[in-house]
Amino acid sequence: MINFQIIGRRIQRHRKQSALRQSEVAERLDVSIGYISQIERGTADVSLKRLYEISVIINANIEDLISDINEDSSNFLNSEIYQIIKNWDAKKKNMLLKIATVIGDENND
């Protein structure tokens, strides 16, 4: 199953990295800001054609937006977690490791 929330988060991340507002993307696509918001929240299904158009505007490879979005895939969350933490400093990564360790320990009780 395709997870449109993951796609939406990736679109939002790339849009922000490109220093674009939702209104700018909406204007270039000739759609409403609300529609862009729905796409980014994953509440609107988006066609492959529209994804390609968005990827061009936000300067992202479409492959980056749609790779490993199948919830049944073993790599489903790995790339999402990596994208979130890749620019974190060591302190934040250490905190995340501690949280994950505690959660893992709770599951072993």
N, C-alpha and C. Protein backbone atom coordinates (compact mmCIF):
# COMPACT_ATOMS: atom_id res chain seq x y z
N MET A 1 0.84 -1.18 0.00
CA MET A 1 0.00 0.00 0.00
C MET A 1 0.89 1.25 0.00
N ILE A 2 0.56 2.19 -0.79
CA ILE A 2 1.30 3.46 -0.88
C ILE A 2 0.94 4.34 0.30
N ASN A 3 1.94 4.89 0.94
CA ASN A 3 1.73 5.76 2.08
C ASN A 3 1.89 7.21 1.61
N PHE A 4 0.77 7.89 1.41
CA PHE A 4 0.80 9.26 0.91
C PHE A 4 1.27 10.25 1.98
N GLN A 5 1.21 9.86 3.26
CA GLN A 5 1.73 10.74 4.31
C GLN A 5 3.24 10.86 4.19
N ILE A 6 3.91 9.74 3.90
CA ILE A 6 5.37 9.77 3.72
C ILE A 6 5.72 10.64 2.52
N ILE A 7 5.01 10.45 1.42
CA ILE A 7 5.25 11.27 0.23
C ILE A 7 5.06 12.74 0.57
N GLY A 8 4.00 13.04 1.29
CA GLY A 8 3.72 14.43 1.67
C GLY A 8 4.81 15.03 2.52
N ARG A 9 5.31 14.26 3.49
CA ARG A 9 6.40 14.77 4.33
C ARG A 9 7.65 15.03 3.51
N ARG A 10 7.91 14.16 2.56
CA ARG A 10 9.09 14.35 1.70
C ARG A 10 8.92 15.59 0.83
N ILE A 11 7.73 15.79 0.30
CA ILE A 11 7.47 16.98 -0.51
C ILE A 11 7.69 18.23 0.35
N GLN A 12 7.12 18.21 1.54
CA GLN A 12 7.27 19.36 2.44
C GLN A 12 8.74 19.63 2.76
N ARG A 13 9.48 18.58 3.07
CA ARG A 13 10.90 18.74 3.40
C ARG A 13 11.67 19.36 2.23
N HIS A 14 11.46 18.85 1.01
CA HIS A 14 12.15 19.39 -0.16
C HIS A 14 11.70 20.81 -0.47
N ARG A 15 10.41 21.08 -0.28
CA ARG A 15 9.90 22.44 -0.52
C ARG A 15 10.59 23.42 0.41
N LYS A 16 10.69 23.06 1.67
CA LYS A 16 11.33 23.95 2.64
C LYS A 16 12.82 24.11 2.34
N GLN A 17 13.47 23.03 1.92
CA GLN A 17 14.89 23.12 1.56
C GLN A 17 15.09 24.04 0.37
N SER A 18 14.08 24.12 -0.48
CA SER A 18 14.15 25.01 -1.64
C SER A 18 13.67 26.41 -1.31
N ALA A 19 13.35 26.64 -0.04
CA ALA A 19 12.88 27.95 0.44
C ALA A 19 11.64 28.43 -0.30
N LEU A 20 10.73 27.49 -0.54
CA LEU A 20 9.47 27.82 -1.20
C LEU A 20 8.32 27.72 -0.20
N ARG A 21 7.36 28.61 -0.34
CA ARG A 21 6.15 28.55 0.46
C ARG A 21 5.11 27.71 -0.30
N GLN A 22 4.15 27.20 0.44
CA GLN A 22 3.07 26.43 -0.20
C GLN A 22 2.38 27.28 -1.26
N SER A 23 2.21 28.55 -0.98
CA SER A 23 1.53 29.43 -1.93
C SER A 23 2.29 29.54 -3.25
N GLU A 24 3.61 29.52 -3.19
CA GLU A 24 4.41 29.59 -4.40
C GLU A 24 4.26 28.31 -5.24
N VAL A 25 4.27 27.17 -4.56
CA VAL A 25 4.10 25.91 -5.28
C VAL A 25 2.70 25.86 -5.88
N ALA A 26 1.70 26.25 -5.10
CA ALA A 26 0.32 26.25 -5.58
C ALA A 26 0.15 27.13 -6.80
N GLU A 27 0.75 28.30 -6.75
CA GLU A 27 0.65 29.24 -7.87
C GLU A 27 1.27 28.64 -9.14
N ARG A 28 2.43 28.03 -8.99
CA ARG A 28 3.11 27.46 -10.16
C ARG A 28 2.36 26.26 -10.74
N LEU A 29 1.60 25.56 -9.88
CA LEU A 29 0.82 24.41 -10.35
C LEU A 29 -0.60 24.81 -10.75
N ASP A 30 -0.97 26.05 -10.46
CA ASP A 30 -2.32 26.56 -10.69
C ASP A 30 -3.35 25.73 -9.92
N VAL A 31 -3.05 25.54 -8.63
CA VAL A 31 -3.96 24.85 -7.72
C VAL A 31 -4.07 25.68 -6.45
N SER A 32 -4.93 25.27 -5.54
CA SER A 32 -5.11 26.01 -4.30
C SER A 32 -4.02 25.66 -3.29
N ILE A 33 -3.79 26.58 -2.37
CA ILE A 33 -2.85 26.32 -1.28
C ILE A 33 -3.37 25.15 -0.44
N GLY A 34 -4.68 25.07 -0.28
CA GLY A 34 -5.29 23.98 0.47
C GLY A 34 -4.96 22.62 -0.11
N TYR A 35 -4.92 22.55 -1.44
CA TYR A 35 -4.59 21.29 -2.10
C TYR A 35 -3.14 20.90 -1.81
N ILE A 36 -2.24 21.86 -1.85
CA ILE A 36 -0.83 21.59 -1.54
C ILE A 36 -0.72 21.14 -0.08
N SER A 37 -1.45 21.78 0.80
CA SER A 37 -1.46 21.38 2.20
C SER A 37 -1.96 19.95 2.37
N GLN A 38 -3.01 19.60 1.65
CA GLN A 38 -3.54 18.23 1.71
C GLN A 38 -2.52 17.22 1.21
N ILE A 39 -1.81 17.56 0.15
CA ILE A 39 -0.78 16.67 -0.37
C ILE A 39 0.31 16.48 0.69
N GLU A 40 0.75 17.56 1.29
CA GLU A 40 1.82 17.48 2.28
C GLU A 40 1.39 16.74 3.55
N ARG A 41 0.12 16.79 3.89
CA ARG A 41 -0.38 16.05 5.05
C ARG A 41 -0.72 14.60 4.69
N GLY A 42 -0.74 14.30 3.41
CA GLY A 42 -1.05 12.93 2.97
C GLY A 42 -2.52 12.62 2.95
N THR A 43 -3.36 13.65 2.94
CA THR A 43 -4.80 13.42 2.91
C THR A 43 -5.37 13.45 1.50
N ALA A 44 -4.54 13.80 0.54
CA ALA A 44 -4.97 13.80 -0.86
C ALA A 44 -4.07 12.84 -1.64
N ASP A 45 -4.69 11.95 -2.37
CA ASP A 45 -3.93 11.10 -3.28
C ASP A 45 -3.46 11.99 -4.43
N VAL A 46 -2.27 11.75 -4.89
CA VAL A 46 -1.70 12.59 -5.93
C VAL A 46 -1.23 11.70 -7.07
N SER A 47 -1.49 12.13 -8.28
CA SER A 47 -1.13 11.34 -9.45
C SER A 47 0.38 11.41 -9.70
N LEU A 48 0.86 10.45 -10.46
CA LEU A 48 2.29 10.43 -10.81
C LEU A 48 2.65 11.68 -11.60
N LYS A 49 1.77 12.11 -12.49
CA LYS A 49 2.03 13.32 -13.28
C LYS A 49 2.17 14.53 -12.37
N ARG A 50 1.26 14.65 -11.39
CA ARG A 50 1.31 15.78 -10.47
C ARG A 50 2.56 15.70 -9.58
N LEU A 51 2.92 14.49 -9.15
CA LEU A 51 4.14 14.33 -8.37
C LEU A 51 5.36 14.79 -9.14
N TYR A 52 5.40 14.45 -10.42
CA TYR A 52 6.52 14.89 -11.25
C TYR A 52 6.56 16.42 -11.33
N GLU A 53 5.41 17.03 -11.55
CA GLU A 53 5.36 18.50 -11.63
C GLU A 53 5.84 19.14 -10.32
N ILE A 54 5.41 18.57 -9.21
CA ILE A 54 5.84 19.08 -7.91
C ILE A 54 7.35 18.90 -7.74
N SER A 55 7.85 17.73 -8.14
CA SER A 55 9.28 17.46 -7.97
C SER A 55 10.14 18.46 -8.74
N VAL A 56 9.68 18.87 -9.90
CA VAL A 56 10.42 19.86 -10.69
C VAL A 56 10.43 21.20 -9.96
N ILE A 57 9.29 21.59 -9.43
CA ILE A 57 9.18 22.88 -8.74
C ILE A 57 10.03 22.92 -7.49
N ILE A 58 10.02 21.85 -6.72
CA ILE A 58 10.73 21.84 -5.44
C ILE A 58 12.17 21.34 -5.57
N ASN A 59 12.58 21.11 -6.80
CA ASN A 59 13.95 20.69 -7.09
C ASN A 59 14.32 19.37 -6.39
N ALA A 60 13.45 18.38 -6.59
CA ALA A 60 13.67 17.05 -6.00
C ALA A 60 13.56 16.00 -7.09
N ASN A 61 14.28 14.92 -6.92
CA ASN A 61 14.09 13.78 -7.82
C ASN A 61 12.81 13.08 -7.44
N ILE A 62 12.01 12.76 -8.42
CA ILE A 62 10.75 12.07 -8.11
C ILE A 62 11.02 10.74 -7.41
N GLU A 63 12.15 10.12 -7.74
CA GLU A 63 12.51 8.87 -7.08
C GLU A 63 12.66 9.06 -5.57
N ASP A 64 13.19 10.21 -5.15
CA ASP A 64 13.34 10.49 -3.73
C ASP A 64 11.98 10.62 -3.04
N LEU A 65 10.99 11.06 -3.79
CA LEU A 65 9.66 11.25 -3.21
C LEU A 65 8.90 9.93 -3.06
N ILE A 66 9.15 9.00 -3.99
CA ILE A 66 8.32 7.79 -3.99
C ILE A 66 9.05 6.50 -3.64
N SER A 67 10.36 6.54 -3.42
CA SER A 67 11.07 5.30 -3.10
C SER A 67 10.73 4.83 -1.69
N ASP A 68 10.63 3.53 -1.54
CA ASP A 68 10.35 2.89 -0.25
C ASP A 68 9.12 3.45 0.45
N ILE A 69 8.03 3.62 -0.29
CA ILE A 69 6.80 4.10 0.31
C ILE A 69 5.80 2.98 0.55
N ASN A 70 6.17 1.78 0.17
CA ASN A 70 5.30 0.64 0.37
C ASN A 70 5.44 0.19 1.82
N GLU A 71 4.35 0.25 2.57
CA GLU A 71 4.39 -0.08 3.99
C GLU A 71 4.83 -1.51 4.24
N ASP A 72 4.70 -2.38 3.26
CA ASP A 72 5.10 -3.77 3.41
C ASP A 72 6.60 -3.96 3.18
N SER A 73 7.28 -2.94 2.70
CA SER A 73 8.71 -3.01 2.42
C SER A 73 9.51 -2.95 3.71
N SER A 74 10.57 -3.75 3.79
CA SER A 74 11.41 -3.73 5.00
C SER A 74 12.16 -2.41 5.14
N ASN A 75 12.33 -1.68 4.06
CA ASN A 75 13.05 -0.40 4.10
C ASN A 75 12.11 0.80 4.26
N PHE A 76 10.84 0.52 4.50
CA PHE A 76 9.82 1.57 4.52
C PHE A 76 10.21 2.76 5.40
N LEU A 77 10.57 2.53 6.64
CA LEU A 77 10.85 3.64 7.55
C LEU A 77 12.32 4.01 7.63
N ASN A 78 13.20 3.13 7.19
CA ASN A 78 14.62 3.42 7.30
C ASN A 78 15.00 4.74 6.65
N SER A 79 14.54 4.96 5.43
CA SER A 79 14.92 6.19 4.74
C SER A 79 14.27 7.41 5.38
N GLU A 80 13.06 7.25 5.92
CA GLU A 80 12.40 8.37 6.59
C GLU A 80 13.17 8.78 7.84
N ILE A 81 13.53 7.80 8.64
CA ILE A 81 14.28 8.09 9.87
C ILE A 81 15.61 8.75 9.51
N TYR A 82 16.28 8.20 8.53
CA TYR A 82 17.57 8.77 8.12
C TYR A 82 17.42 10.23 7.68
N GLN A 83 16.40 10.51 6.87
CA GLN A 83 16.22 11.88 6.38
C GLN A 83 15.97 12.86 7.53
N ILE A 84 15.27 12.40 8.55
CA ILE A 84 14.98 13.27 9.68
C ILE A 84 16.24 13.55 10.50
N ILE A 85 17.06 12.53 10.72
CA ILE A 85 18.18 12.69 11.65
C ILE A 85 19.53 12.97 11.00
N LYS A 86 19.61 12.93 9.69
CA LYS A 86 20.93 13.02 9.04
C LYS A 86 21.70 14.29 9.36
N ASN A 87 21.02 15.38 9.63
CA ASN A 87 21.72 16.63 9.94
C ASN A 87 21.74 16.96 11.43
N TRP A 88 21.29 16.02 12.25
CA TRP A 88 21.31 16.24 13.69
C TRP A 88 22.74 16.20 14.22
N ASP A 89 22.96 16.93 15.29
CA ASP A 89 24.26 16.83 15.96
C ASP A 89 24.29 15.58 16.83
N ALA A 90 25.46 15.27 17.37
CA ALA A 90 25.65 14.05 18.16
C ALA A 90 24.75 14.02 19.39
N LYS A 91 24.50 15.16 19.99
CA LYS A 91 23.67 15.21 21.19
C LYS A 91 22.24 14.74 20.89
N LYS A 92 21.67 15.23 19.81
CA LYS A 92 20.32 14.81 19.44
C LYS A 92 20.27 13.33 19.08
N LYS A 93 21.26 12.87 18.34
CA LYS A 93 21.29 11.46 17.95
C LYS A 93 21.43 10.57 19.18
N ASN A 94 22.24 10.99 20.15
CA ASN A 94 22.40 10.24 21.39
C ASN A 94 21.08 10.15 22.15
N MET A 95 20.35 11.27 22.20
CA MET A 95 19.06 11.29 22.87
C MET A 95 18.09 10.31 22.20
N LEU A 96 18.08 10.30 20.88
CA LEU A 96 17.22 9.38 20.14
C LEU A 96 17.60 7.93 20.43
N LEU A 97 18.89 7.67 20.48
CA LEU A 97 19.37 6.32 20.79
C LEU A 97 18.90 5.87 22.17
N LYS A 98 18.97 6.77 23.14
CA LYS A 98 18.51 6.44 24.49
C LYS A 98 17.01 6.14 24.51
N ILE A 99 16.24 6.95 23.80
CA ILE A 99 14.79 6.73 23.73
C ILE A 99 14.50 5.38 23.07
N ALA A 100 15.17 5.09 21.97
CA ALA A 100 14.96 3.82 21.27
C ALA A 100 15.35 2.64 22.15
N THR A 101 16.41 2.80 22.92
CA THR A 101 16.86 1.73 23.83
C THR A 101 15.80 1.47 24.90
N VAL A 102 15.25 2.53 25.48
CA VAL A 102 14.21 2.38 26.50
C VAL A 102 12.98 1.69 25.91
N ILE A 103 12.57 2.12 24.74
CA ILE A 103 11.41 1.50 24.09
C ILE A 103 11.69 0.04 23.80
N GLY A 104 12.88 -0.26 23.32
CA GLY A 104 13.26 -1.65 23.04
C GLY A 104 13.27 -2.50 24.29
N ASP A 105 13.75 -1.93 25.39
CA ASP A 105 13.78 -2.64 26.66
C ASP A 105 12.38 -2.92 27.18
N GLU A 106 11.45 -1.98 26.98
CA GLU A 106 10.06 -2.18 27.40
C GLU A 106 9.42 -3.36 26.69
N ASN A 107 9.77 -3.54 25.43
CA ASN A 107 9.21 -4.64 24.65
C ASN A 107 9.78 -5.99 25.07
N ASN A 108 10.92 -5.99 25.75
CA ASN A 108 11.55 -7.24 26.18
C ASN A 108 11.13 -7.67 27.58
N ASP A 109 10.32 -6.84 28.27
CA ASP A 109 9.87 -7.19 29.63
C ASP A 109 8.77 -8.22 29.61
